[in-house]
Amino acid sequence: MPRFVILEHDHPRLHWDLLLEDGAHLRGWRLAEPPRTGGTIAAEAMPDHRLFYLDYEGTVSGERGEVRRWDAGEYTLHPSGESGLCLHLEGRRFRGQATLQQQHRREWLAVFAASTNA
């Protein structure tokens, strides 16, 4: 199964990077707040990242702050509409569904729902 990581990142302002393993790179979204059950979280699509970040914590090059692992694990991608993704995350901290819905270009909305059988 492919892996994911959520990194707490303090640059340029505090946010959380949701990174999904997708072949030779990581697809990424910048979340305005940490994942939580219920509610909608503003997200912004980011350029692809290197797989290196699946296991990295520390200083980011180019004076781009620090990252700390908030959660990590494996995910399953489920069929969804043309402008969205539906995932099942099996992390150490969060287990459940995550839906990412594209609104406009790089603007997305993220919704997290914890598993009921945890």
PDB file of N, CA and C in Angstrom:
ATOM      1  N   MET A   1       0.836  -1.196   0.000  1.00  0.00           N
ATOM      2  CA  MET A   1       0.000   0.000   0.000  1.00  0.00           C
ATOM      3  C   MET A   1       0.870   1.245   0.000  1.00  0.00           C
ATOM      4  N   PRO A   2       0.404   2.289  -0.684  1.00  0.00           N
ATOM      5  CA  PRO A   2       1.177   3.538  -0.665  1.00  0.00           C
ATOM      6  C   PRO A   2       1.119   4.195   0.712  1.00  0.00           C
ATOM      7  N   ARG A   3       2.123   5.012   0.978  1.00  0.00           N
ATOM      8  CA  ARG A   3       2.239   5.667   2.284  1.00  0.00           C
ATOM      9  C   ARG A   3       1.824   7.138   2.199  1.00  0.00           C
ATOM     10  N   PHE A   4       1.515   7.684   3.365  1.00  0.00           N
ATOM     11  CA  PHE A   4       1.248   9.114   3.484  1.00  0.00           C
ATOM     12  C   PHE A   4       1.980   9.635   4.714  1.00  0.00           C
ATOM     13  N   VAL A   5       2.150  10.952   4.737  1.00  0.00           N
ATOM     14  CA  VAL A   5       2.679  11.621   5.921  1.00  0.00           C
ATOM     15  C   VAL A   5       1.984  12.971   6.033  1.00  0.00           C
ATOM     16  N   ILE A   6       1.758  13.404   7.263  1.00  0.00           N
ATOM     17  CA  ILE A   6       1.274  14.751   7.528  1.00  0.00           C
ATOM     18  C   ILE A   6       2.358  15.420   8.366  1.00  0.00           C
ATOM     19  N   LEU A   7       2.916  16.500   7.818  1.00  0.00           N
ATOM     20  CA  LEU A   7       4.006  17.215   8.474  1.00  0.00           C
ATOM     21  C   LEU A   7       3.517  18.560   8.981  1.00  0.00           C
ATOM     22  N   GLU A   8       3.803  18.867  10.229  1.00  0.00           N
ATOM     23  CA  GLU A   8       3.569  20.210  10.757  1.00  0.00           C
ATOM     24  C   GLU A   8       4.731  21.062  10.269  1.00  0.00           C
ATOM     25  N   HIS A   9       4.418  22.144   9.582  1.00  0.00           N
ATOM     26  CA  HIS A   9       5.439  22.966   8.930  1.00  0.00           C
ATOM     27  C   HIS A   9       5.248  24.422   9.369  1.00  0.00           C
ATOM     28  N   ASP A  10       6.308  25.053   9.849  1.00  0.00           N
ATOM     29  CA  ASP A  10       6.203  26.392  10.430  1.00  0.00           C
ATOM     30  C   ASP A  10       6.555  27.539   9.489  1.00  0.00           C
ATOM     31  N   HIS A  11       6.622  27.286   8.179  1.00  0.00           N
ATOM     32  CA  HIS A  11       7.023  28.347   7.249  1.00  0.00           C
ATOM     33  C   HIS A  11       6.108  28.384   6.034  1.00  0.00           C
ATOM     34  N   PRO A  12       5.650  29.485   5.512  1.00  0.00           N
ATOM     35  CA  PRO A  12       5.879  30.835   6.035  1.00  0.00           C
ATOM     36  C   PRO A  12       4.998  31.152   7.243  1.00  0.00           C
ATOM     37  N   ARG A  13       3.951  30.352   7.438  1.00  0.00           N
ATOM     38  CA  ARG A  13       3.123  30.413   8.645  1.00  0.00           C
ATOM     39  C   ARG A  13       2.802  28.964   9.002  1.00  0.00           C
ATOM     40  N   LEU A  14       2.359  28.720  10.214  1.00  0.00           N
ATOM     41  CA  LEU A  14       2.082  27.350  10.628  1.00  0.00           C
ATOM     42  C   LEU A  14       0.978  26.730   9.768  1.00  0.00           C
ATOM     43  N   HIS A  15       1.266  25.539   9.242  1.00  0.00           N
ATOM     44  CA  HIS A  15       0.302  24.776   8.450  1.00  0.00           C
ATOM     45  C   HIS A  15       0.690  23.307   8.515  1.00  0.00           C
ATOM     46  N   TRP A  16      -0.103  22.442   7.885  1.00  0.00           N
ATOM     47  CA  TRP A  16       0.156  21.006   7.882  1.00  0.00           C
ATOM     48  C   TRP A  16       0.193  20.540   6.442  1.00  0.00           C
ATOM     49  N   ASP A  17       1.273  19.822   6.066  1.00  0.00           N
ATOM     50  CA  ASP A  17       1.435  19.300   4.705  1.00  0.00           C
ATOM     51  C   ASP A  17       0.950  17.863   4.661  1.00  0.00           C
ATOM     52  N   LEU A  18      -0.089  17.603   3.880  1.00  0.00           N
ATOM     53  CA  LEU A  18      -0.560  16.239   3.623  1.00  0.00           C
ATOM     54  C   LEU A  18       0.130  15.775   2.358  1.00  0.00           C
ATOM     55  N   LEU A  19       0.974  14.747   2.473  1.00  0.00           N
ATOM     56  CA  LEU A  19       1.750  14.238   1.344  1.00  0.00           C
ATOM     57  C   LEU A  19       1.393  12.780   1.097  1.00  0.00           C
ATOM     58  N   LEU A  20       1.031  12.457  -0.153  1.00  0.00           N
ATOM     59  CA  LEU A  20       0.629  11.106  -0.545  1.00  0.00           C
ATOM     60  C   LEU A  20       1.623  10.522  -1.529  1.00  0.00           C
ATOM     61  N   GLU A  21       2.126   9.346  -1.236  1.00  0.00           N
ATOM     62  CA  GLU A  21       3.032   8.651  -2.142  1.00  0.00           C
ATOM     63  C   GLU A  21       2.275   8.330  -3.431  1.00  0.00           C
ATOM     64  N   ASP A  22       2.853   8.733  -4.553  1.00  0.00           N
ATOM     65  CA  ASP A  22       2.236   8.517  -5.870  1.00  0.00           C
ATOM     66  C   ASP A  22       3.351   8.197  -6.861  1.00  0.00           C
ATOM     67  N   GLY A  23       3.752   6.931  -6.874  1.00  0.00           N
ATOM     68  CA  GLY A  23       4.857   6.529  -7.737  1.00  0.00           C
ATOM     69  C   GLY A  23       6.175   7.070  -7.231  1.00  0.00           C
ATOM     70  N   ALA A  24       6.864   7.850  -8.073  1.00  0.00           N
ATOM     71  CA  ALA A  24       8.207   8.336  -7.746  1.00  0.00           C
ATOM     72  C   ALA A  24       8.210   9.687  -7.030  1.00  0.00           C
ATOM     73  N   HIS A  25       7.036  10.161  -6.618  1.00  0.00           N
ATOM     74  CA  HIS A  25       6.977  11.454  -5.935  1.00  0.00           C
ATOM     75  C   HIS A  25       5.825  11.455  -4.925  1.00  0.00           C
ATOM     76  N   LEU A  26       5.663  12.587  -4.244  1.00  0.00           N
ATOM     77  CA  LEU A  26       4.570  12.787  -3.293  1.00  0.00           C
ATOM     78  C   LEU A  26       3.671  13.905  -3.806  1.00  0.00           C
ATOM     79  N   ARG A  27       2.381  13.631  -3.901  1.00  0.00           N
ATOM     80  CA  ARG A  27       1.399  14.691  -4.176  1.00  0.00           C
ATOM     81  C   ARG A  27       1.140  15.401  -2.861  1.00  0.00           C
ATOM     82  N   GLY A  28       0.939  16.711  -2.894  1.00  0.00           N
ATOM     83  CA  GLY A  28       0.812  17.426  -1.638  1.00  0.00           C
ATOM     84  C   GLY A  28      -0.242  18.504  -1.598  1.00  0.00           C
ATOM     85  N   TRP A  29      -0.775  18.702  -0.374  1.00  0.00           N
ATOM     86  CA  TRP A  29      -1.717  19.763  -0.070  1.00  0.00           C
ATOM     87  C   TRP A  29      -1.305  20.430   1.229  1.00  0.00           C
ATOM     88  N   ARG A  30      -1.372  21.738   1.270  1.00  0.00           N
ATOM     89  CA  ARG A  30      -1.115  22.517   2.481  1.00  0.00           C
ATOM     90  C   ARG A  30      -2.463  22.715   3.167  1.00  0.00           C
ATOM     91  N   LEU A  31      -2.577  22.190   4.402  1.00  0.00           N
ATOM     92  CA  LEU A  31      -3.811  22.316   5.177  1.00  0.00           C
ATOM     93  C   LEU A  31      -3.687  23.496   6.127  1.00  0.00           C
ATOM     94  N   ALA A  32      -4.743  24.291   6.238  1.00  0.00           N
ATOM     95  CA  ALA A  32      -4.723  25.471   7.089  1.00  0.00           C
ATOM     96  C   ALA A  32      -4.727  25.120   8.575  1.00  0.00           C
ATOM     97  N   GLU A  33      -5.142  23.897   8.922  1.00  0.00           N
ATOM     98  CA  GLU A  33      -5.168  23.452  10.312  1.00  0.00           C
ATOM     99  C   GLU A  33      -4.960  21.945  10.343  1.00  0.00           C
ATOM    100  N   PRO A  34      -4.669  21.388  11.496  1.00  0.00           N
ATOM    101  CA  PRO A  34      -4.436  19.942  11.546  1.00  0.00           C
ATOM    102  C   PRO A  34      -5.723  19.174  11.252  1.00  0.00           C
ATOM    103  N   PRO A  35      -5.609  17.972  10.702  1.00  0.00           N
ATOM    104  CA  PRO A  35      -6.791  17.156  10.442  1.00  0.00           C
ATOM    105  C   PRO A  35      -7.600  16.951  11.719  1.00  0.00           C
ATOM    106  N   ARG A  36      -8.904  17.061  11.577  1.00  0.00           N
ATOM    107  CA  ARG A  36      -9.818  16.823  12.689  1.00  0.00           C
ATOM    108  C   ARG A  36     -11.107  16.257  12.122  1.00  0.00           C
ATOM    109  N   THR A  37     -11.803  15.502  12.920  1.00  0.00           N
ATOM    110  CA  THR A  37     -13.053  14.913  12.481  1.00  0.00           C
ATOM    111  C   THR A  37     -14.129  15.985  12.395  1.00  0.00           C
ATOM    112  N   GLY A  38     -14.823  15.988  11.283  1.00  0.00           N
ATOM    113  CA  GLY A  38     -15.899  16.957  11.077  1.00  0.00           C
ATOM    114  C   GLY A  38     -15.358  18.293  10.619  1.00  0.00           C
ATOM    115  N   GLY A  39     -16.215  19.088  10.072  1.00  0.00           N
ATOM    116  CA  GLY A  39     -15.798  20.401   9.610  1.00  0.00           C
ATOM    117  C   GLY A  39     -15.016  20.321   8.316  1.00  0.00           C
ATOM    118  N   THR A  40     -14.775  21.464   7.755  1.00  0.00           N
ATOM    119  CA  THR A  40     -14.065  21.573   6.489  1.00  0.00           C
ATOM    120  C   THR A  40     -12.793  22.372   6.708  1.00  0.00           C
ATOM    121  N   ILE A  41     -11.713  21.915   6.125  1.00  0.00           N
ATOM    122  CA  ILE A  41     -10.410  22.562   6.267  1.00  0.00           C
ATOM    123  C   ILE A  41      -9.968  23.075   4.898  1.00  0.00           C
ATOM    124  N   ALA A  42      -9.607  24.337   4.838  1.00  0.00           N
ATOM    125  CA  ALA A  42      -9.077  24.901   3.597  1.00  0.00           C
ATOM    126  C   ALA A  42      -7.751  24.227   3.268  1.00  0.00           C
ATOM    127  N   ALA A  43      -7.567  23.904   1.994  1.00  0.00           N
ATOM    128  CA  ALA A  43      -6.335  23.245   1.542  1.00  0.00           C
ATOM    129  C   ALA A  43      -5.879  23.895   0.238  1.00  0.00           C
ATOM    130  N   GLU A  44      -4.574  23.828   0.017  1.00  0.00           N
ATOM    131  CA  GLU A  44      -3.994  24.370  -1.204  1.00  0.00           C
ATOM    132  C   GLU A  44      -3.079  23.311  -1.811  1.00  0.00           C
ATOM    133  N   ALA A  45      -3.281  23.024  -3.091  1.00  0.00           N
ATOM    134  CA  ALA A  45      -2.411  22.072  -3.774  1.00  0.00           C
ATOM    135  C   ALA A  45      -0.996  22.634  -3.830  1.00  0.00           C
ATOM    136  N   MET A  46      -0.013  21.750  -3.625  1.00  0.00           N
ATOM    137  CA  MET A  46       1.394  22.145  -3.659  1.00  0.00           C
ATOM    138  C   MET A  46       2.089  21.380  -4.783  1.00  0.00           C
ATOM    139  N   PRO A  47       3.249  21.851  -5.206  1.00  0.00           N
ATOM    140  CA  PRO A  47       4.034  21.076  -6.167  1.00  0.00           C
ATOM    141  C   PRO A  47       4.423  19.731  -5.560  1.00  0.00           C
ATOM    142  N   ASP A  48       4.721  18.772  -6.427  1.00  0.00           N
ATOM    143  CA  ASP A  48       5.159  17.461  -5.957  1.00  0.00           C
ATOM    144  C   ASP A  48       6.404  17.590  -5.090  1.00  0.00           C
ATOM    145  N   HIS A  49       6.508  16.690  -4.110  1.00  0.00           N
ATOM    146  CA  HIS A  49       7.661  16.626  -3.210  1.00  0.00           C
ATOM    147  C   HIS A  49       8.430  15.327  -3.458  1.00  0.00           C
ATOM    148  N   ARG A  50       9.678  15.302  -2.992  1.00  0.00           N
ATOM    149  CA  ARG A  50      10.489  14.088  -3.071  1.00  0.00           C
ATOM    150  C   ARG A  50      10.019  13.068  -2.039  1.00  0.00           C
ATOM    151  N   LEU A  51      10.171  11.785  -2.343  1.00  0.00           N
ATOM    152  CA  LEU A  51       9.799  10.705  -1.430  1.00  0.00           C
ATOM    153  C   LEU A  51      10.538  10.813  -0.097  1.00  0.00           C
ATOM    154  N   PHE A  52      11.661  11.473  -0.111  1.00  0.00           N
ATOM    155  CA  PHE A  52      12.487  11.721   1.068  1.00  0.00           C
ATOM    156  C   PHE A  52      11.650  12.195   2.261  1.00  0.00           C
ATOM    157  N   TYR A  53      10.616  12.995   1.997  1.00  0.00           N
ATOM    158  CA  TYR A  53       9.823  13.583   3.078  1.00  0.00           C
ATOM    159  C   TYR A  53       8.917  12.592   3.795  1.00  0.00           C
ATOM    160  N   LEU A  54       8.766  11.387   3.282  1.00  0.00           N
ATOM    161  CA  LEU A  54       7.987  10.372   3.991  1.00  0.00           C
ATOM    162  C   LEU A  54       8.603  10.044   5.351  1.00  0.00           C
ATOM    163  N   ASP A  55       9.918  10.158   5.455  1.00  0.00           N
ATOM    164  CA  ASP A  55      10.625   9.766   6.675  1.00  0.00           C
ATOM    165  C   ASP A  55      11.429  10.904   7.305  1.00  0.00           C
ATOM    166  N   TYR A  56      11.237  12.131   6.840  1.00  0.00           N
ATOM    167  CA  TYR A  56      12.088  13.231   7.280  1.00  0.00           C
ATOM    168  C   TYR A  56      11.395  14.117   8.312  1.00  0.00           C
ATOM    169  N   GLU A  57      12.184  14.565   9.299  1.00  0.00           N
ATOM    170  CA  GLU A  57      11.811  15.630  10.218  1.00  0.00           C
ATOM    171  C   GLU A  57      13.046  16.497  10.380  1.00  0.00           C
ATOM    172  N   GLY A  58      12.857  17.800  10.414  1.00  0.00           N
ATOM    173  CA  GLY A  58      13.995  18.680  10.623  1.00  0.00           C
ATOM    174  C   GLY A  58      13.906  19.933   9.788  1.00  0.00           C
ATOM    175  N   THR A  59      15.056  20.533   9.543  1.00  0.00           N
ATOM    176  CA  THR A  59      15.159  21.785   8.816  1.00  0.00           C
ATOM    177  C   THR A  59      14.955  21.557   7.318  1.00  0.00           C
ATOM    178  N   VAL A  60      14.157  22.432   6.708  1.00  0.00           N
ATOM    179  CA  VAL A  60      13.921  22.376   5.269  1.00  0.00           C
ATOM    180  C   VAL A  60      14.925  23.319   4.593  1.00  0.00           C
ATOM    181  N   SER A  61      15.522  22.873   3.495  1.00  0.00           N
ATOM    182  CA  SER A  61      16.526  23.691   2.802  1.00  0.00           C
ATOM    183  C   SER A  61      15.926  25.016   2.327  1.00  0.00           C
ATOM    184  N   GLY A  62      16.805  25.956   2.029  1.00  0.00           N
ATOM    185  CA  GLY A  62      16.374  27.249   1.515  1.00  0.00           C
ATOM    186  C   GLY A  62      15.691  28.126   2.546  1.00  0.00           C
ATOM    187  N   GLU A  63      16.036  27.924   3.814  1.00  0.00           N
ATOM    188  CA  GLU A  63      15.465  28.711   4.904  1.00  0.00           C
ATOM    189  C   GLU A  63      13.936  28.679   4.889  1.00  0.00           C
ATOM    190  N   ARG A  64      13.388  27.456   4.695  1.00  0.00           N
ATOM    191  CA  ARG A  64      11.935  27.283   4.649  1.00  0.00           C
ATOM    192  C   ARG A  64      11.407  26.617   5.915  1.00  0.00           C
ATOM    193  N   GLY A  65      12.029  26.905   7.042  1.00  0.00           N
ATOM    194  CA  GLY A  65      11.524  26.471   8.326  1.00  0.00           C
ATOM    195  C   GLY A  65      11.853  25.040   8.699  1.00  0.00           C
ATOM    196  N   GLU A  66      11.008  24.497   9.592  1.00  0.00           N
ATOM    197  CA  GLU A  66      11.180  23.140  10.132  1.00  0.00           C
ATOM    198  C   GLU A  66       9.908  22.347   9.880  1.00  0.00           C
ATOM    199  N   VAL A  67      10.073  21.032   9.729  1.00  0.00           N
ATOM    200  CA  VAL A  67       8.920  20.137   9.652  1.00  0.00           C
ATOM    201  C   VAL A  67       9.039  19.073  10.734  1.00  0.00           C
ATOM    202  N   ARG A  68       7.875  18.735  11.306  1.00  0.00           N
ATOM    203  CA  ARG A  68       7.777  17.668  12.306  1.00  0.00           C
ATOM    204  C   ARG A  68       6.636  16.752  11.902  1.00  0.00           C
ATOM    205  N   ARG A  69       6.833  15.464  12.060  1.00  0.00           N
ATOM    206  CA  ARG A  69       5.816  14.494  11.680  1.00  0.00           C
ATOM    207  C   ARG A  69       4.624  14.600  12.625  1.00  0.00           C
ATOM    208  N   TRP A  70       3.440  14.857  12.075  1.00  0.00           N
ATOM    209  CA  TRP A  70       2.206  14.898  12.843  1.00  0.00           C
ATOM    210  C   TRP A  70       1.543  13.524  12.814  1.00  0.00           C
ATOM    211  N   ASP A  71       1.640  12.852  11.651  1.00  0.00           N
ATOM    212  CA  ASP A  71       1.105  11.504  11.493  1.00  0.00           C
ATOM    213  C   ASP A  71       1.738  10.886  10.259  1.00  0.00           C
ATOM    214  N   ALA A  72       1.661   9.554  10.190  1.00  0.00           N
ATOM    215  CA  ALA A  72       2.173   8.831   9.026  1.00  0.00           C
ATOM    216  C   ALA A  72       1.531   7.455   9.018  1.00  0.00           C
ATOM    217  N   GLY A  73       1.485   6.862   7.851  1.00  0.00           N
ATOM    218  CA  GLY A  73       0.920   5.518   7.721  1.00  0.00           C
ATOM    219  C   GLY A  73       0.719   5.172   6.263  1.00  0.00           C
ATOM    220  N   GLU A  74      -0.315   4.379   6.013  1.00  0.00           N
ATOM    221  CA  GLU A  74      -0.642   3.942   4.653  1.00  0.00           C
ATOM    222  C   GLU A  74      -2.024   4.458   4.286  1.00  0.00           C
ATOM    223  N   TYR A  75      -2.268   4.541   2.972  1.00  0.00           N
ATOM    224  CA  TYR A  75      -3.586   4.989   2.526  1.00  0.00           C
ATOM    225  C   TYR A  75      -4.070   4.152   1.353  1.00  0.00           C
ATOM    226  N   THR A  76      -5.388   4.165   1.183  1.00  0.00           N
ATOM    227  CA  THR A  76      -6.045   3.530   0.044  1.00  0.00           C
ATOM    228  C   THR A  76      -6.850   4.602  -0.668  1.00  0.00           C
ATOM    229  N   LEU A  77      -6.727   4.654  -1.978  1.00  0.00           N
ATOM    230  CA  LEU A  77      -7.474   5.609  -2.791  1.00  0.00           C
ATOM    231  C   LEU A  77      -8.759   4.944  -3.252  1.00  0.00           C
ATOM    232  N   HIS A  78      -9.884   5.619  -3.058  1.00  0.00           N
ATOM    233  CA  HIS A  78     -11.185   5.106  -3.491  1.00  0.00           C
ATOM    234  C   HIS A  78     -11.685   5.955  -4.647  1.00  0.00           C
ATOM    235  N   PRO A  79     -12.472   5.364  -5.554  1.00  0.00           N
ATOM    236  CA  PRO A  79     -13.003   6.141  -6.676  1.00  0.00           C
ATOM    237  C   PRO A  79     -13.772   7.369  -6.185  1.00  0.00           C
ATOM    238  N   SER A  80     -13.623   8.453  -6.916  1.00  0.00           N
ATOM    239  CA  SER A  80     -14.301   9.696  -6.565  1.00  0.00           C
ATOM    240  C   SER A  80     -14.606  10.433  -7.857  1.00  0.00           C
ATOM    241  N   GLY A  81     -15.209  11.602  -7.733  1.00  0.00           N
ATOM    242  CA  GLY A  81     -15.516  12.406  -8.908  1.00  0.00           C
ATOM    243  C   GLY A  81     -14.268  12.912  -9.598  1.00  0.00           C
ATOM    244  N   GLU A  82     -14.476  13.585 -10.710  1.00  0.00           N
ATOM    245  CA  GLU A  82     -13.352  14.088 -11.501  1.00  0.00           C
ATOM    246  C   GLU A  82     -12.506  15.126 -10.768  1.00  0.00           C
ATOM    247  N   SER A  83     -13.103  15.885  -9.870  1.00  0.00           N
ATOM    248  CA  SER A  83     -12.364  16.973  -9.229  1.00  0.00           C
ATOM    249  C   SER A  83     -12.107  16.706  -7.746  1.00  0.00           C
ATOM    250  N   GLY A  84     -12.004  15.438  -7.366  1.00  0.00           N
ATOM    251  CA  GLY A  84     -11.768  15.154  -5.967  1.00  0.00           C
ATOM    252  C   GLY A  84     -11.086  13.818  -5.738  1.00  0.00           C
ATOM    253  N   LEU A  85     -10.692  13.602  -4.483  1.00  0.00           N
ATOM    254  CA  LEU A  85     -10.077  12.351  -4.058  1.00  0.00           C
ATOM    255  C   LEU A  85     -10.761  11.885  -2.783  1.00  0.00           C
ATOM    256  N   CYS A  86     -10.946  10.581  -2.670  1.00  0.00           N
ATOM    257  CA  CYS A  86     -11.463   9.988  -1.440  1.00  0.00           C
ATOM    258  C   CYS A  86     -10.443   8.961  -0.986  1.00  0.00           C
ATOM    259  N   LEU A  87      -9.970   9.110   0.244  1.00  0.00           N
ATOM    260  CA  LEU A  87      -8.895   8.264   0.761  1.00  0.00           C
ATOM    261  C   LEU A  87      -9.325   7.605   2.058  1.00  0.00           C
ATOM    262  N   HIS A  88      -8.755   6.455   2.320  1.00  0.00           N
ATOM    263  CA  HIS A  88      -8.848   5.869   3.655  1.00  0.00           C
ATOM    264  C   HIS A  88      -7.427   5.901   4.218  1.00  0.00           C
ATOM    265  N   LEU A  89      -7.250   6.630   5.319  1.00  0.00           N
ATOM    266  CA  LEU A  89      -5.943   6.769   5.947  1.00  0.00           C
ATOM    267  C   LEU A  89      -5.840   5.836   7.141  1.00  0.00           C
ATOM    268  N   GLU A  90      -4.729   5.127   7.234  1.00  0.00           N
ATOM    269  CA  GLU A  90      -4.431   4.263   8.382  1.00  0.00           C
ATOM    270  C   GLU A  90      -3.141   4.777   8.996  1.00  0.00           C
ATOM    271  N   GLY A  91      -3.277   5.817   9.808  1.00  0.00           N
ATOM    272  CA  GLY A  91      -2.111   6.417  10.439  1.00  0.00           C
ATOM    273  C   GLY A  91      -2.006   6.032  11.893  1.00  0.00           C
ATOM    274  N   ARG A  92      -0.955   6.503  12.531  1.00  0.00           N
ATOM    275  CA  ARG A  92      -0.783   6.264  13.967  1.00  0.00           C
ATOM    276  C   ARG A  92      -1.727   7.147  14.782  1.00  0.00           C
ATOM    277  N   ARG A  93      -2.004   8.322  14.260  1.00  0.00           N
ATOM    278  CA  ARG A  93      -2.812   9.298  14.986  1.00  0.00           C
ATOM    279  C   ARG A  93      -4.235   9.403  14.435  1.00  0.00           C
ATOM    280  N   PHE A  94      -4.383   9.298  13.125  1.00  0.00           N
ATOM    281  CA  PHE A  94      -5.697   9.415  12.487  1.00  0.00           C
ATOM    282  C   PHE A  94      -5.969   8.180  11.645  1.00  0.00           C
ATOM    283  N   ARG A  95      -7.154   7.611  11.838  1.00  0.00           N
ATOM    284  CA  ARG A  95      -7.626   6.486  11.025  1.00  0.00           C
ATOM    285  C   ARG A  95      -9.030   6.800  10.563  1.00  0.00           C
ATOM    286  N   GLY A  96      -9.209   6.839   9.265  1.00  0.00           N
ATOM    287  CA  GLY A  96     -10.540   7.129   8.738  1.00  0.00           C
ATOM    288  C   GLY A  96     -10.488   7.657   7.326  1.00  0.00           C
ATOM    289  N   GLN A  97     -11.593   8.274   6.928  1.00  0.00           N
ATOM    290  CA  GLN A  97     -11.745   8.785   5.578  1.00  0.00           C
ATOM    291  C   GLN A  97     -11.266  10.225   5.490  1.00  0.00           C
ATOM    292  N   ALA A  98     -10.689  10.545   4.366  1.00  0.00           N
ATOM    293  CA  ALA A  98     -10.328  11.921   4.033  1.00  0.00           C
ATOM    294  C   ALA A  98     -10.824  12.182   2.616  1.00  0.00           C
ATOM    295  N   THR A  99     -11.526  13.275   2.450  1.00  0.00           N
ATOM    296  CA  THR A  99     -12.013  13.663   1.134  1.00  0.00           C
ATOM    297  C   THR A  99     -11.391  15.000   0.778  1.00  0.00           C
ATOM    298  N   LEU A 100     -10.807  15.073  -0.395  1.00  0.00           N
ATOM    299  CA  LEU A 100     -10.238  16.316  -0.907  1.00  0.00           C
ATOM    300  C   LEU A 100     -11.038  16.700  -2.146  1.00  0.00           C
ATOM    301  N   GLN A 101     -11.632  17.877  -2.120  1.00  0.00           N
ATOM    302  CA  GLN A 101     -12.471  18.325  -3.232  1.00  0.00           C
ATOM    303  C   GLN A 101     -11.902  19.608  -3.805  1.00  0.00           C
ATOM    304  N   GLN A 102     -11.563  19.583  -5.089  1.00  0.00           N
ATOM    305  CA  GLN A 102     -11.000  20.763  -5.734  1.00  0.00           C
ATOM    306  C   GLN A 102     -12.095  21.804  -5.956  1.00  0.00           C
ATOM    307  N   GLN A 103     -11.795  23.049  -5.581  1.00  0.00           N
ATOM    308  CA  GLN A 103     -12.738  24.149  -5.746  1.00  0.00           C
ATOM    309  C   GLN A 103     -12.393  24.999  -6.963  1.00  0.00           C
ATOM    310  N   HIS A 104     -11.140  25.412  -7.026  1.00  0.00           N
ATOM    311  CA  HIS A 104     -10.698  26.281  -8.110  1.00  0.00           C
ATOM    312  C   HIS A 104      -9.181  26.196  -8.195  1.00  0.00           C
ATOM    313  N   ARG A 105      -8.647  25.797  -9.307  1.00  0.00           N
ATOM    314  CA  ARG A 105      -7.205  25.659  -9.535  1.00  0.00           C
ATOM    315  C   ARG A 105      -6.492  24.984  -8.379  1.00  0.00           C
ATOM    316  N   ARG A 106      -5.776  25.758  -7.547  1.00  0.00           N
ATOM    317  CA  ARG A 106      -5.021  25.169  -6.435  1.00  0.00           C
ATOM    318  C   ARG A 106      -5.815  25.123  -5.134  1.00  0.00           C
ATOM    319  N   GLU A 107      -7.038  25.660  -5.122  1.00  0.00           N
ATOM    320  CA  GLU A 107      -7.850  25.713  -3.911  1.00  0.00           C
ATOM    321  C   GLU A 107      -8.678  24.431  -3.756  1.00  0.00           C
ATOM    322  N   TRP A 108      -8.561  23.822  -2.582  1.00  0.00           N
ATOM    323  CA  TRP A 108      -9.267  22.585  -2.281  1.00  0.00           C
ATOM    324  C   TRP A 108      -9.926  22.698  -0.911  1.00  0.00           C
ATOM    325  N   LEU A 109     -10.842  21.780  -0.626  1.00  0.00           N
ATOM    326  CA  LEU A 109     -11.421  21.636   0.704  1.00  0.00           C
ATOM    327  C   LEU A 109     -11.155  20.208   1.156  1.00  0.00           C
ATOM    328  N   ALA A 110     -10.792  20.048   2.420  1.00  0.00           N
ATOM    329  CA  ALA A 110     -10.507  18.712   2.991  1.00  0.00           C
ATOM    330  C   ALA A 110     -11.496  18.456   4.121  1.00  0.00           C
ATOM    331  N   VAL A 111     -12.028  17.222   4.141  1.00  0.00           N
ATOM    332  CA  VAL A 111     -12.922  16.791   5.215  1.00  0.00           C
ATOM    333  C   VAL A 111     -12.386  15.459   5.726  1.00  0.00           C
ATOM    334  N   PHE A 112     -12.261  15.325   7.043  1.00  0.00           N
ATOM    335  CA  PHE A 112     -11.758  14.104   7.679  1.00  0.00           C
ATOM    336  C   PHE A 112     -12.861  13.511   8.544  1.00  0.00           C
ATOM    337  N   ALA A 113     -13.049  12.199   8.442  1.00  0.00           N
ATOM    338  CA  ALA A 113     -14.041  11.490   9.252  1.00  0.00           C
ATOM    339  C   ALA A 113     -13.364  10.251   9.842  1.00  0.00           C
ATOM    340  N   ALA A 114     -13.305  10.172  11.165  1.00  0.00           N
ATOM    341  CA  ALA A 114     -12.659   9.044  11.837  1.00  0.00           C
ATOM    342  C   ALA A 114     -13.438   7.746  11.605  1.00  0.00           C
ATOM    343  N   SER A 115     -12.716   6.627  11.585  1.00  0.00           N
ATOM    344  CA  SER A 115     -13.344   5.321  11.447  1.00  0.00           C
ATOM    345  C   SER A 115     -14.220   5.048  12.661  1.00  0.00           C
ATOM    346  N   THR A 116     -15.361   4.420  12.425  1.00  0.00           N
ATOM    347  CA  THR A 116     -16.254   4.080  13.526  1.00  0.00           C
ATOM    348  C   THR A 116     -15.873   2.749  14.157  1.00  0.00           C
ATOM    349  N   ASN A 117     -15.000   1.975  13.487  1.00  0.00           N
ATOM    350  CA  ASN A 117     -14.600   0.673  14.022  1.00  0.00           C
ATOM    351  C   ASN A 117     -13.184   0.684  14.574  1.00  0.00           C
ATOM    352  N   ALA A 118     -12.706   1.860  14.986  1.00  0.00           N
ATOM    353  CA  ALA A 118     -11.335   1.978  15.504  1.00  0.00           C
ATOM    354  C   ALA A 118     -11.214   1.365  16.879  1.00  0.00           C
TER     355      ALA A 118
END
